C-alpha atoms as a PDB file:
ATOM      1  CA  MET A   1     -21.179  18.583   2.449  1.00  0.00           C
ATOM      2  CA  LYS A   2     -21.719  16.938  -0.929  1.00  0.00           C
ATOM      3  CA  ILE A   3     -18.988  14.772  -2.395  1.00  0.00           C
ATOM      4  CA  LYS A   4     -18.551  13.275  -5.855  1.00  0.00           C
ATOM      5  CA  VAL A   5     -17.600   9.603  -5.657  1.00  0.00           C
ATOM      6  CA  LEU A   6     -16.316   7.392  -8.450  1.00  0.00           C
ATOM      7  CA  ILE A   7     -17.181   3.717  -8.058  1.00  0.00           C
ATOM      8  CA  HIS A   8     -15.376   1.155 -10.173  1.00  0.00           C
ATOM      9  CA  LYS A   9     -16.075  -2.517 -10.817  1.00  0.00           C
ATOM     10  CA  ASP A  10     -12.955  -4.504  -9.972  1.00  0.00           C
ATOM     11  CA  GLU A  11     -11.700  -6.695 -12.808  1.00  0.00           C
ATOM     12  CA  LYS A  12     -11.607  -9.773 -10.574  1.00  0.00           C
ATOM     13  CA  SER A  13     -14.389  -9.208  -8.052  1.00  0.00           C
ATOM     14  CA  GLY A  14     -16.107  -6.532  -6.036  1.00  0.00           C
ATOM     15  CA  PHE A  15     -15.975  -2.767  -6.257  1.00  0.00           C
ATOM     16  CA  TRP A  16     -13.675   0.046  -5.251  1.00  0.00           C
ATOM     17  CA  ALA A  17     -14.430   3.724  -4.776  1.00  0.00           C
ATOM     18  CA  GLU A  18     -12.423   6.917  -4.841  1.00  0.00           C
ATOM     19  CA  VAL A  19     -13.180  10.488  -3.860  1.00  0.00           C
ATOM     20  CA  PRO A  20     -11.392  12.767  -6.364  1.00  0.00           C
ATOM     21  CA  SER A  21     -11.654  15.842  -4.133  1.00  0.00           C
ATOM     22  CA  LEU A  22      -9.954  13.971  -1.260  1.00  0.00           C
ATOM     23  CA  PRO A  23      -6.609  12.716  -2.621  1.00  0.00           C
ATOM     24  CA  GLY A  24      -5.801   9.251  -1.341  1.00  0.00           C
ATOM     25  CA  CYS A  25      -9.336   8.542  -0.093  1.00  0.00           C
ATOM     26  CA  TYR A  26     -10.229   5.060  -1.382  1.00  0.00           C
ATOM     27  CA  THR A  27     -12.152   2.032  -0.190  1.00  0.00           C
ATOM     28  CA  GLN A  28     -13.272  -1.350  -1.501  1.00  0.00           C
ATOM     29  CA  ALA A  29     -15.796  -4.130  -0.890  1.00  0.00           C
ATOM     30  CA  GLU A  30     -17.211  -7.260  -2.449  1.00  0.00           C
ATOM     31  CA  THR A  31     -20.718  -5.785  -2.927  1.00  0.00           C
ATOM     32  CA  MET A  32     -22.290  -2.340  -3.302  1.00  0.00           C
ATOM     33  CA  ASP A  33     -24.159  -2.938  -0.033  1.00  0.00           C
ATOM     34  CA  GLU A  34     -20.798  -3.313   1.721  1.00  0.00           C
ATOM     35  CA  LEU A  35     -19.117  -0.518  -0.244  1.00  0.00           C
ATOM     36  CA  LEU A  36     -21.285   2.393   0.833  1.00  0.00           C
ATOM     37  CA  PRO A  37     -20.726   2.018   4.615  1.00  0.00           C
ATOM     38  CA  ASN A  38     -17.005   1.585   3.905  1.00  0.00           C
ATOM     39  CA  LEU A  39     -17.109   4.764   1.827  1.00  0.00           C
ATOM     40  CA  TYR A  40     -18.700   6.789   4.603  1.00  0.00           C
ATOM     41  CA  GLU A  41     -16.121   5.465   7.049  1.00  0.00           C
ATOM     42  CA  ALA A  42     -13.246   6.317   4.677  1.00  0.00           C
ATOM     43  CA  VAL A  43     -14.441   9.886   4.124  1.00  0.00           C
ATOM     44  CA  GLU A  44     -15.124  10.493   7.803  1.00  0.00           C
ATOM     45  CA  GLY A  45     -11.665   9.157   8.674  1.00  0.00           C
ATOM     46  CA  TYR A  46     -10.021  11.305   6.007  1.00  0.00           C
ATOM     47  CA  LEU A  47     -11.801  14.445   7.224  1.00  0.00           C
ATOM     48  CA  LYS A  48     -10.931  13.686  10.836  1.00  0.00           C
ATOM     49  CA  VAL A  49      -7.231  13.382   9.989  1.00  0.00           C
ATOM     50  CA  LYS A  50      -7.343  16.665   8.051  1.00  0.00           C
ATOM     51  CA  GLU A  51      -9.167  18.362  10.910  1.00  0.00           C
ATOM     52  CA  ASP A  52      -6.517  17.153  13.375  1.00  0.00           C
ATOM     53  CA  GLU A  53      -3.753  18.373  11.058  1.00  0.00           C
ATOM     54  CA  MET A  54      -5.380  21.807  10.848  1.00  0.00           C
ATOM     55  CA  ILE A  55      -5.852  22.036  14.604  1.00  0.00           C
ATOM     56  CA  ASN A  56      -2.191  21.130  15.158  1.00  0.00           C
ATOM     57  CA  SER A  57      -0.978  23.591  12.531  1.00  0.00           C
ATOM     58  CA  GLU A  58      -0.043  27.090  13.680  1.00  0.00           C
ATOM     59  CA  GLU A  59      -0.616  28.377  10.139  1.00  0.00           C
ATOM     60  CA  THR A  60      -4.390  27.989  10.104  1.00  0.00           C
ATOM     61  CA  GLN A  61      -7.353  28.326  12.386  1.00  0.00           C
ATOM     62  CA  LEU A  62      -9.796  26.657   9.980  1.00  0.00           C
ATOM     63  CA  SER A  63     -11.598  23.643  11.407  1.00  0.00           C
ATOM     64  CA  ILE A  64     -13.990  21.085   9.958  1.00  0.00           C
ATOM     65  CA  THR A  65     -17.016  21.151  12.229  1.00  0.00           C
ATOM     66  CA  ASP A  66     -19.601  19.268  10.163  1.00  0.00           C
ATOM     67  CA  GLU A  67     -18.576  15.616   9.914  1.00  0.00           C
ATOM     68  CA  SER A  68     -21.729  14.576   8.068  1.00  0.00           C
ATOM     69  CA  PHE A  69     -21.775  14.381   4.314  1.00  0.00           C
ATOM     70  CA  GLU A  70     -23.924  13.241   1.452  1.00  0.00           C
ATOM     71  CA  VAL A  71     -22.780  11.377  -1.637  1.00  0.00           C
ATOM     72  CA  LEU A  72     -23.526  13.792  -4.467  1.00  0.00           C
ATOM     73  CA  GLU A  73     -22.913  11.537  -7.438  1.00  0.00           C
ATOM     74  CA  ILE A  74     -21.906   7.951  -8.044  1.00  0.00           C
ATOM     75  CA  VAL A  75     -20.242   7.190 -11.355  1.00  0.00           C
ATOM     76  CA  VAL A  76     -19.751   3.516 -12.221  1.00  0.00           C
END
């Protein structure tokens, strides 16, 4: 899975990132080196919650089976 990520420089310090295709998926860190692992954790957590919601829903049988992803683009 490839995901577009927007990374912003915080006005005071550090960075924060958002994933436009995953509403509400954000993370932050003081450095870029800290931000990327946080970003992977945020996306994996988001997808896990969505997968659980789909499994518990009687309306759908769709399931996310590939939890790995690649950052497609970083826009600062």
